[in-house]
Amino acid sequence: MIEALVEYACDEKKVIDNLMSSTGFCNKSWGNDELKGIRKKIKDFYKEEQGFTCPYCQIHMPVKHGMAWDIEHIIPLESNPKFMFEALNLCVSCKDCNIHKSNKPVLYSKKANFPIESEHYKIVHPHFDDYGTHILVIAVGDLYKPITKKGEDTIGICKLYRFYHKVNRAIPMDSVKGLAKAILATDGIARELIEDKIVEQIQMSRKVSGS
C-alpha cells in the first residue's frame, strides 16, 4: 500500500490550476508540453515510493529508466480528467498492466468528488487497500489467486491471467501448464477447484526444491 503522496510546489500548482481552468481542458491535456516537468516528478516520486514494484502484478523492476514505467491514473483520465493531478489517483505501473487496465471503469458508480474509500473501487486500490488481503501471489508475474471479489476483478481488469495465453511462456511444471490451460475454459466452482489445485502443485514443488 502506498503511504506517501506526491506534493506539488507553488509554481507547479499554478501551472495545474491554469491548465484545469482553461477552455478545452480534457484528458488529452495530460500530454501538454508544459506538464513535462510535473509528469517526470510524479513518475520519479512513485517509482521510489513503491519500491519499483507494480501495484497490480507486484513485479519488481529496479529500473530507473523512465520508459520502463507508466504513470497510472487509477480512475482513468478518459472518464474523469478532473482527477488528473489528484495524488491519491496517481501511481506508476508496469506497461503490461497499464495497457490491459487501459480506460476500463474501476468505480461502481461515477462520483462528483474524488472517492477516498476502498468500497467505491472494483479493483485493489494502491493507496487504500492491502494487496495481500485480496490477492494471493503464487508466482510473481505468473500466477495469482483471488481471495476476494475485489481481487478477482483486479485480476480480470489487469489481465493477470495473461500468461495462460502465452504458449511459449515458461510455467513451473507440465502439470501446472495443463491446469492453467483448463482455466480458460471454466468458471465458477470448477475454476476455483482448478486454481486451488494449481496452488497445491506449486507449493508442493517449492517444498521439494527447498525454495
Protein backbone atom coordinates (compact mmCIF):
# COMPACT_ATOMS: atom_id res chain seq x y z
CA MET A 1 0.00 0.00 0.00
CA ILE A 2 1.35 3.42 -0.98
CA GLU A 3 1.68 5.70 2.03
CA ALA A 4 3.32 8.97 0.93
CA LEU A 5 1.79 11.26 -1.69
CA VAL A 6 3.42 13.41 -4.33
CA GLU A 7 3.29 17.11 -3.46
CA TYR A 8 3.31 20.00 -5.90
CA ALA A 9 5.37 23.16 -5.47
CA CYS A 10 3.68 26.56 -5.71
CA ASP A 11 4.76 27.13 -9.30
CA GLU A 12 3.58 23.63 -10.24
CA LYS A 13 0.19 24.25 -8.62
CA LYS A 14 -0.15 27.43 -10.65
CA VAL A 15 0.51 25.55 -13.89
CA ILE A 16 -2.01 22.89 -12.89
CA ASP A 17 -4.70 25.41 -11.89
CA ASN A 18 -4.26 27.39 -15.10
CA LEU A 19 -4.49 24.25 -17.20
CA MET A 20 -7.57 22.85 -15.48
CA SER A 21 -9.41 26.18 -15.72
CA SER A 22 -8.56 26.71 -19.36
CA THR A 23 -11.00 26.31 -22.22
CA GLY A 24 -10.70 22.90 -23.80
CA PHE A 25 -9.23 21.14 -20.78
CA CYS A 26 -9.74 17.40 -21.24
CA ASN A 27 -7.98 14.07 -20.80
CA LYS A 28 -5.66 14.86 -23.72
CA SER A 29 -4.33 17.86 -21.82
CA TRP A 30 -2.16 15.40 -19.89
CA GLY A 31 0.25 15.36 -22.82
CA ASN A 32 0.81 19.14 -22.88
CA ASP A 33 4.46 20.15 -23.04
CA GLU A 34 4.08 22.48 -20.05
CA LEU A 35 3.47 19.41 -17.87
CA LYS A 36 6.70 17.64 -18.81
CA GLY A 37 8.47 18.50 -15.55
CA ILE A 38 5.40 17.66 -13.43
CA ARG A 39 4.96 14.32 -15.16
CA LYS A 40 8.62 13.45 -14.50
CA LYS A 41 8.26 14.45 -10.87
CA ILE A 42 5.19 12.22 -10.45
CA LYS A 43 6.86 9.24 -12.10
CA ASP A 44 10.12 9.59 -10.18
CA PHE A 45 8.31 10.03 -6.87
CA TYR A 46 6.07 6.97 -7.15
CA LYS A 47 8.80 4.71 -8.54
CA GLU A 48 10.74 5.32 -5.35
CA GLU A 49 7.72 5.28 -3.04
CA GLN A 50 6.52 1.97 -4.48
CA GLY A 51 9.96 0.43 -4.32
CA PHE A 52 9.93 -0.06 -8.11
CA THR A 53 7.03 -2.52 -7.75
CA CYS A 54 3.88 -2.58 -9.87
CA PRO A 55 0.80 -2.23 -7.64
CA TYR A 56 -1.25 -4.64 -9.74
CA CYS A 57 1.03 -7.57 -10.68
CA GLN A 58 3.64 -6.95 -7.95
CA ILE A 59 6.51 -7.35 -10.40
CA HIS A 60 9.64 -5.67 -9.06
CA MET A 61 11.68 -3.79 -11.66
CA PRO A 62 14.53 -1.75 -10.12
CA VAL A 63 14.94 0.19 -13.34
CA LYS A 64 15.23 3.95 -13.13
CA HIS A 65 14.85 4.49 -16.85
CA GLY A 66 11.50 6.22 -17.33
CA MET A 67 10.49 4.07 -20.29
CA ALA A 68 10.16 1.01 -18.07
CA TRP A 69 7.26 2.56 -16.15
CA ASP A 70 3.96 4.28 -16.92
CA ILE A 71 2.24 6.89 -14.80
CA GLU A 72 -1.02 5.26 -13.79
CA HIS A 73 -4.26 7.15 -13.30
CA ILE A 74 -6.23 4.72 -11.16
CA ILE A 75 -9.52 6.31 -12.18
CA PRO A 76 -8.90 6.66 -15.94
CA LEU A 77 -8.34 10.08 -17.48
CA GLU A 78 -10.87 9.34 -20.20
CA SER A 79 -13.74 9.19 -17.73
CA ASN A 80 -12.56 11.69 -15.11
CA PRO A 81 -9.95 14.20 -16.31
CA LYS A 82 -10.70 16.36 -13.27
CA PHE A 83 -8.78 13.82 -11.16
CA MET A 84 -5.71 14.18 -13.42
CA PHE A 85 -3.44 15.58 -10.69
CA GLU A 86 -5.10 14.08 -7.61
CA ALA A 87 -2.22 12.47 -5.71
CA LEU A 88 -4.44 9.62 -4.49
CA ASN A 89 -5.30 8.82 -8.09
CA LEU A 90 -1.67 8.51 -9.14
CA CYS A 91 0.99 5.82 -9.01
CA VAL A 92 3.22 4.04 -11.50
CA SER A 93 2.58 0.63 -13.03
CA CYS A 94 4.33 -1.75 -15.38
CA LYS A 95 3.49 -1.24 -19.03
CA ASP A 96 1.59 -4.52 -19.36
CA CYS A 97 -0.79 -3.77 -16.51
CA ASN A 98 -1.24 -0.19 -17.69
CA ILE A 99 -2.11 -1.34 -21.20
CA HIS A 100 -4.52 -4.04 -20.06
CA LYS A 101 -6.24 -1.85 -17.47
CA SER A 102 -6.45 0.97 -20.02
CA ASN A 103 -9.63 3.02 -19.52
CA LYS A 104 -11.74 0.25 -18.00
CA PRO A 105 -14.13 1.56 -15.32
CA VAL A 106 -12.87 0.95 -11.79
CA LEU A 107 -15.65 2.66 -9.83
CA TYR A 108 -19.02 1.14 -9.00
CA SER A 109 -20.62 4.50 -9.81
CA LYS A 110 -19.41 7.87 -11.04
CA LYS A 111 -18.58 10.34 -8.28
CA ALA A 112 -18.60 14.13 -8.34
CA ASN A 113 -15.79 14.26 -5.79
CA PHE A 114 -12.77 12.02 -5.63
CA PRO A 115 -13.79 8.84 -3.74
CA ILE A 116 -11.46 8.20 -0.82
CA GLU A 117 -12.95 4.94 0.45
CA SER A 118 -11.91 1.48 -0.72
CA GLU A 119 -15.52 0.31 -1.07
CA HIS A 120 -16.07 2.60 -4.08
CA TYR A 121 -13.47 0.74 -6.16
CA LYS A 122 -13.78 -2.54 -8.04
CA ILE A 123 -10.01 -3.07 -8.05
CA VAL A 124 -7.34 -3.24 -5.37
CA HIS A 125 -6.54 0.44 -4.87
CA PRO A 126 -2.79 1.10 -4.48
CA HIS A 127 -3.44 3.77 -1.81
CA PHE A 128 -6.43 2.32 0.06
CA ASP A 129 -6.12 -1.47 0.01
CA ASP A 130 -3.79 -4.12 1.38
CA TYR A 131 -2.90 -6.21 -1.67
CA GLY A 132 -2.47 -9.47 0.22
CA THR A 133 -5.98 -9.22 1.64
CA HIS A 134 -7.43 -9.54 -1.85
CA ILE A 135 -4.90 -11.45 -3.98
CA LEU A 136 -2.61 -14.38 -3.20
CA VAL A 137 0.56 -14.20 -5.29
CA ILE A 138 1.73 -17.74 -6.01
CA ALA A 139 4.42 -16.79 -8.50
CA VAL A 140 5.06 -13.12 -9.26
CA GLY A 141 4.39 -12.42 -12.92
CA ASP A 142 2.90 -15.86 -13.43
CA LEU A 143 0.18 -16.93 -11.04
CA TYR A 144 -2.35 -15.02 -8.95
CA LYS A 145 -5.28 -16.36 -6.98
CA PRO A 146 -8.16 -14.09 -5.93
CA ILE A 147 -9.12 -14.07 -2.28
CA THR A 148 -11.98 -11.58 -2.57
CA LYS A 149 -14.30 -10.27 -5.28
CA LYS A 150 -12.11 -7.16 -5.49
CA GLY A 151 -9.09 -9.38 -6.05
CA GLU A 152 -10.94 -11.29 -8.77
CA ASP A 153 -11.91 -8.05 -10.52
CA THR A 154 -8.34 -6.76 -10.32
CA ILE A 155 -7.03 -9.94 -11.88
CA GLY A 156 -9.62 -9.64 -14.65
CA ILE A 157 -9.25 -5.92 -15.35
CA CYS A 158 -5.44 -6.02 -15.40
CA LYS A 159 -5.42 -9.45 -17.05
CA LEU A 160 -3.12 -11.02 -14.52
CA TYR A 161 -4.03 -14.36 -16.05
CA ARG A 162 -2.43 -13.16 -19.27
CA PHE A 163 0.40 -15.67 -19.05
CA TYR A 164 -2.06 -18.54 -19.61
CA HIS A 165 -2.49 -17.36 -23.17
CA LYS A 166 1.23 -17.48 -23.99
CA VAL A 167 2.07 -20.89 -25.36
CA ASN A 168 5.83 -20.43 -25.06
CA ARG A 169 5.82 -18.86 -21.60
CA ALA A 170 7.75 -20.92 -19.08
CA ILE A 171 5.38 -22.26 -16.42
CA PRO A 172 6.76 -24.07 -13.35
CA MET A 173 5.67 -27.63 -14.22
CA ASP A 174 3.88 -29.51 -17.00
CA SER A 175 1.06 -30.37 -14.59
CA VAL A 176 0.59 -26.69 -13.82
CA LYS A 177 0.64 -25.83 -17.53
CA GLY A 178 -2.23 -28.25 -18.17
CA LEU A 179 -4.26 -26.88 -15.29
CA ALA A 180 -3.56 -23.32 -16.37
CA LYS A 181 -4.91 -24.00 -19.85
CA ALA A 182 -8.01 -25.61 -18.33
CA ILE A 183 -8.83 -22.38 -16.50
CA LEU A 184 -9.51 -20.68 -19.82
CA ALA A 185 -12.50 -22.93 -20.46
CA THR A 186 -14.01 -22.90 -16.97
CA ASP A 187 -15.60 -20.57 -14.48
CA GLY A 188 -17.41 -20.64 -11.16
CA ILE A 189 -16.72 -23.51 -8.77
CA ALA A 190 -14.86 -25.52 -11.41
CA ARG A 191 -12.41 -22.66 -11.92
CA GLU A 192 -11.90 -22.31 -8.17
CA LEU A 193 -11.09 -26.01 -7.88
CA ILE A 194 -8.52 -25.77 -10.66
CA GLU A 195 -6.97 -22.67 -9.07
CA ASP A 196 -6.71 -24.50 -5.74
CA LYS A 197 -5.05 -27.44 -7.48
CA ILE A 198 -2.50 -25.13 -9.13
CA VAL A 199 -1.69 -23.58 -5.76
CA GLU A 200 -1.24 -27.05 -4.27
CA GLN A 201 1.04 -28.18 -7.12
CA ILE A 202 3.31 -25.14 -6.91
CA GLN A 203 3.51 -25.22 -3.12
CA MET A 204 4.43 -28.91 -3.20
CA SER A 205 7.07 -28.20 -5.84
CA ARG A 206 8.61 -25.47 -3.71
CA LYS A 207 8.75 -27.74 -0.64
CA VAL A 208 10.53 -30.45 -2.64
CA SER A 209 13.05 -28.00 -4.10
CA GLY A 210 13.53 -26.29 -0.75
CA SER A 211 12.65 -22.86 -2.18
